Amino acid sequence: MAWVLIPDPPSPAIAPKADLEVPIPRYFLLEQSSILKERELMLAEILSRMEPVTSRERFPELCRTEAIILLQRAERARQGRLRAIFMREIRKEEERDRKIREEGWHKFSQDQAAVTIQKVIPQHPGGRSG
């Protein structure tokens, strides 16, 4: 089996089609040949039923400034969603810290912490074995 490492994906306009295709291992092709042929026939049948769709029908043409504005809007929305997730995490953390301060969680001394760890972790010296 041969693995192909591509350091940077080449542009489809520059690279030949053979360089962009991922090789399928021979053993897979031999073992799965009947299944692959069935899938190929099914795909060909489905594609023959479909009407060809041109890109002009699917996407309206935009001038350069409209395209830039559309991309900027999408990027700002993506960054806004990430920022909202980040701020939600910060709020949860602050709420947890506030609860800890209000409830006054018990702080262990070094000896108490060591005893608790030894009880919980069996591999620790002095802990449960078994």
C-alpha atoms as a PDB file:
ATOM      1  CA  MET A   1       0.000   0.000   0.000  1.00  0.00           C
ATOM      2  CA  ALA A   2       1.439   3.366  -0.972  1.00  0.00           C
ATOM      3  CA  TRP A   3       0.667   6.568   0.911  1.00  0.00           C
ATOM      4  CA  VAL A   4       0.889   9.842  -0.914  1.00  0.00           C
ATOM      5  CA  LEU A   5       1.868  12.932   1.040  1.00  0.00           C
ATOM      6  CA  ILE A   6       0.966  16.273  -0.468  1.00  0.00           C
ATOM      7  CA  PRO A   7       2.607  19.123   1.476  1.00  0.00           C
ATOM      8  CA  ASP A   8       0.385  21.906   0.116  1.00  0.00           C
ATOM      9  CA  PRO A   9      -2.669  21.167  -1.961  1.00  0.00           C
ATOM     10  CA  PRO A  10      -1.924  22.450  -5.445  1.00  0.00           C
ATOM     11  CA  SER A  11      -4.372  24.680  -7.220  1.00  0.00           C
ATOM     12  CA  PRO A  12      -6.672  22.713  -9.557  1.00  0.00           C
ATOM     13  CA  ALA A  13      -5.824  25.165 -12.335  1.00  0.00           C
ATOM     14  CA  ILE A  14      -2.095  24.416 -12.033  1.00  0.00           C
ATOM     15  CA  ALA A  15      -1.911  20.731 -11.067  1.00  0.00           C
ATOM     16  CA  PRO A  16      -2.819  17.922 -13.443  1.00  0.00           C
ATOM     17  CA  LYS A  17      -5.888  15.869 -12.546  1.00  0.00           C
ATOM     18  CA  ALA A  18      -3.781  12.767 -11.807  1.00  0.00           C
ATOM     19  CA  ASP A  19      -1.954  14.608  -9.004  1.00  0.00           C
ATOM     20  CA  LEU A  20      -5.202  15.563  -7.282  1.00  0.00           C
ATOM     21  CA  GLU A  21      -6.755  12.080  -7.248  1.00  0.00           C
ATOM     22  CA  VAL A  22      -6.289   9.963  -4.136  1.00  0.00           C
ATOM     23  CA  PRO A  23      -5.041   6.469  -5.007  1.00  0.00           C
ATOM     24  CA  ILE A  24      -7.265   3.577  -3.904  1.00  0.00           C
ATOM     25  CA  PRO A  25      -5.354   0.552  -2.541  1.00  0.00           C
ATOM     26  CA  ARG A  26      -5.358  -2.484  -4.872  1.00  0.00           C
ATOM     27  CA  TYR A  27      -6.541  -4.924  -2.209  1.00  0.00           C
ATOM     28  CA  PHE A  28      -9.605  -2.759  -1.646  1.00  0.00           C
ATOM     29  CA  LEU A  29     -10.406  -2.715  -5.342  1.00  0.00           C
ATOM     30  CA  LEU A  30     -10.024  -6.487  -5.598  1.00  0.00           C
ATOM     31  CA  GLU A  31     -12.065  -7.299  -2.479  1.00  0.00           C
ATOM     32  CA  GLN A  32     -14.821  -4.783  -3.157  1.00  0.00           C
ATOM     33  CA  SER A  33     -14.998  -4.956  -6.964  1.00  0.00           C
ATOM     34  CA  SER A  34     -18.587  -6.278  -7.190  1.00  0.00           C
ATOM     35  CA  ILE A  35     -19.875  -3.714  -4.690  1.00  0.00           C
ATOM     36  CA  LEU A  36     -18.028  -0.921  -6.458  1.00  0.00           C
ATOM     37  CA  LYS A  37     -19.487  -1.946  -9.841  1.00  0.00           C
ATOM     38  CA  GLU A  38     -23.016  -1.964  -8.381  1.00  0.00           C
ATOM     39  CA  ARG A  39     -22.501   1.489  -6.907  1.00  0.00           C
ATOM     40  CA  GLU A  40     -21.077   2.752 -10.192  1.00  0.00           C
ATOM     41  CA  LEU A  41     -24.140   1.504 -12.087  1.00  0.00           C
ATOM     42  CA  MET A  42     -26.511   2.995  -9.513  1.00  0.00           C
ATOM     43  CA  LEU A  43     -24.708   6.347  -9.659  1.00  0.00           C
ATOM     44  CA  ALA A  44     -24.771   6.337 -13.460  1.00  0.00           C
ATOM     45  CA  GLU A  45     -28.522   5.610 -13.414  1.00  0.00           C
ATOM     46  CA  ILE A  46     -29.203   8.419 -10.932  1.00  0.00           C
ATOM     47  CA  LEU A  47     -27.098  10.875 -12.915  1.00  0.00           C
ATOM     48  CA  SER A  48     -28.824   9.929 -16.170  1.00  0.00           C
ATOM     49  CA  ARG A  49     -32.217  10.788 -14.631  1.00  0.00           C
ATOM     50  CA  MET A  50     -31.080  14.217 -13.510  1.00  0.00           C
ATOM     51  CA  GLU A  51     -31.152  17.251 -15.728  1.00  0.00           C
ATOM     52  CA  PRO A  52     -27.853  19.055 -16.131  1.00  0.00           C
ATOM     53  CA  VAL A  53     -27.712  22.218 -14.059  1.00  0.00           C
ATOM     54  CA  THR A  54     -25.605  25.113 -15.191  1.00  0.00           C
ATOM     55  CA  SER A  55     -23.856  27.353 -12.732  1.00  0.00           C
ATOM     56  CA  ARG A  56     -25.662  30.441 -14.080  1.00  0.00           C
ATOM     57  CA  GLU A  57     -29.007  29.005 -13.008  1.00  0.00           C
ATOM     58  CA  ARG A  58     -27.817  28.220  -9.502  1.00  0.00           C
ATOM     59  CA  PHE A  59     -25.849  31.349  -8.581  1.00  0.00           C
ATOM     60  CA  PRO A  60     -26.590  34.907  -9.608  1.00  0.00           C
ATOM     61  CA  GLU A  61     -23.676  36.885 -10.960  1.00  0.00           C
ATOM     62  CA  LEU A  62     -22.244  39.433  -8.565  1.00  0.00           C
ATOM     63  CA  CYS A  63     -20.014  42.364  -9.262  1.00  0.00           C
ATOM     64  CA  ARG A  64     -16.705  42.419  -7.431  1.00  0.00           C
ATOM     65  CA  THR A  65     -17.757  44.813  -4.648  1.00  0.00           C
ATOM     66  CA  GLU A  66     -20.948  42.844  -3.928  1.00  0.00           C
ATOM     67  CA  ALA A  67     -18.926  39.624  -3.721  1.00  0.00           C
ATOM     68  CA  ILE A  68     -16.427  41.235  -1.328  1.00  0.00           C
ATOM     69  CA  ILE A  69     -19.248  42.556   0.863  1.00  0.00           C
ATOM     70  CA  LEU A  70     -20.888  39.120   0.895  1.00  0.00           C
ATOM     71  CA  LEU A  71     -17.620  37.437   1.924  1.00  0.00           C
ATOM     72  CA  GLN A  72     -16.925  40.035   4.610  1.00  0.00           C
ATOM     73  CA  ARG A  73     -20.428  39.613   6.018  1.00  0.00           C
ATOM     74  CA  ALA A  74     -20.043  35.840   6.156  1.00  0.00           C
ATOM     75  CA  GLU A  75     -16.632  36.126   7.846  1.00  0.00           C
ATOM     76  CA  ARG A  76     -17.921  38.629  10.400  1.00  0.00           C
ATOM     77  CA  ALA A  77     -20.844  36.325  11.163  1.00  0.00           C
ATOM     78  CA  ARG A  78     -18.473  33.376  11.654  1.00  0.00           C
ATOM     79  CA  GLN A  79     -16.268  35.429  13.986  1.00  0.00           C
ATOM     80  CA  GLY A  80     -19.362  36.630  15.854  1.00  0.00           C
ATOM     81  CA  ARG A  81     -20.511  33.060  16.441  1.00  0.00           C
ATOM     82  CA  LEU A  82     -17.048  32.109  17.736  1.00  0.00           C
ATOM     83  CA  ARG A  83     -16.998  35.166  19.993  1.00  0.00           C
ATOM     84  CA  ALA A  84     -20.458  34.298  21.361  1.00  0.00           C
ATOM     85  CA  ILE A  85     -19.282  30.772  22.217  1.00  0.00           C
ATOM     86  CA  PHE A  86     -16.165  32.177  23.886  1.00  0.00           C
ATOM     87  CA  MET A  87     -18.167  34.731  25.891  1.00  0.00           C
ATOM     88  CA  ARG A  88     -20.647  32.021  26.972  1.00  0.00           C
ATOM     89  CA  GLU A  89     -17.738  29.954  28.314  1.00  0.00           C
ATOM     90  CA  ILE A  90     -16.352  32.965  30.167  1.00  0.00           C
ATOM     91  CA  ARG A  91     -19.778  33.676  31.710  1.00  0.00           C
ATOM     92  CA  LYS A  92     -20.096  30.045  32.861  1.00  0.00           C
ATOM     93  CA  GLU A  93     -16.629  30.194  34.381  1.00  0.00           C
ATOM     94  CA  GLU A  94     -17.404  33.448  36.204  1.00  0.00           C
ATOM     95  CA  GLU A  95     -20.698  32.021  37.472  1.00  0.00           C
ATOM     96  CA  ARG A  96     -18.914  28.931  38.781  1.00  0.00           C
ATOM     97  CA  ASP A  97     -16.264  31.097  40.494  1.00  0.00           C
ATOM     98  CA  ARG A  98     -19.000  33.262  42.053  1.00  0.00           C
ATOM     99  CA  LYS A  99     -20.778  30.172  43.408  1.00  0.00           C
ATOM    100  CA  ILE A 100     -17.538  28.880  44.870  1.00  0.00           C
ATOM    101  CA  ARG A 101     -16.931  32.214  46.604  1.00  0.00           C
ATOM    102  CA  GLU A 102     -20.512  32.403  47.924  1.00  0.00           C
ATOM    103  CA  GLU A 103     -20.641  28.818  49.146  1.00  0.00           C
ATOM    104  CA  GLY A 104     -17.142  28.995  50.552  1.00  0.00           C
ATOM    105  CA  TRP A 105     -15.977  25.608  49.384  1.00  0.00           C
ATOM    106  CA  HIS A 106     -13.800  23.878  51.911  1.00  0.00           C
ATOM    107  CA  LYS A 107     -10.092  24.373  51.308  1.00  0.00           C
ATOM    108  CA  PHE A 108      -7.983  21.354  52.209  1.00  0.00           C
ATOM    109  CA  SER A 109      -4.700  21.508  54.019  1.00  0.00           C
ATOM    110  CA  GLN A 110      -1.795  19.744  52.357  1.00  0.00           C
ATOM    111  CA  ASP A 111      -2.177  16.701  54.633  1.00  0.00           C
ATOM    112  CA  GLN A 112      -5.939  16.440  54.023  1.00  0.00           C
ATOM    113  CA  ALA A 113      -5.421  16.681  50.258  1.00  0.00           C
ATOM    114  CA  ALA A 114      -2.764  13.949  50.362  1.00  0.00           C
ATOM    115  CA  VAL A 115      -5.058  11.608  52.339  1.00  0.00           C
ATOM    116  CA  THR A 116      -7.947  12.229  49.916  1.00  0.00           C
ATOM    117  CA  ILE A 117      -5.704  11.514  46.913  1.00  0.00           C
ATOM    118  CA  GLN A 118      -4.419   8.316  48.531  1.00  0.00           C
ATOM    119  CA  LYS A 119      -7.982   7.123  49.117  1.00  0.00           C
ATOM    120  CA  VAL A 120      -9.102   7.807  45.557  1.00  0.00           C
ATOM    121  CA  ILE A 121      -6.054   6.758  43.533  1.00  0.00           C
ATOM    122  CA  PRO A 122      -5.123   3.097  44.140  1.00  0.00           C
ATOM    123  CA  GLN A 123      -1.656   3.356  42.592  1.00  0.00           C
ATOM    124  CA  HIS A 124      -0.634   6.174  44.900  1.00  0.00           C
ATOM    125  CA  PRO A 125       1.490   5.057  47.883  1.00  0.00           C
ATOM    126  CA  GLY A 126      -0.775   4.420  50.842  1.00  0.00           C
ATOM    127  CA  GLY A 127      -3.935   4.158  48.732  1.00  0.00           C
ATOM    128  CA  ARG A 128      -6.256   1.212  48.187  1.00  0.00           C
ATOM    129  CA  SER A 129      -4.766  -1.655  46.255  1.00  0.00           C
ATOM    130  CA  GLY A 130      -6.847  -3.924  44.434  1.00  0.00           C
END
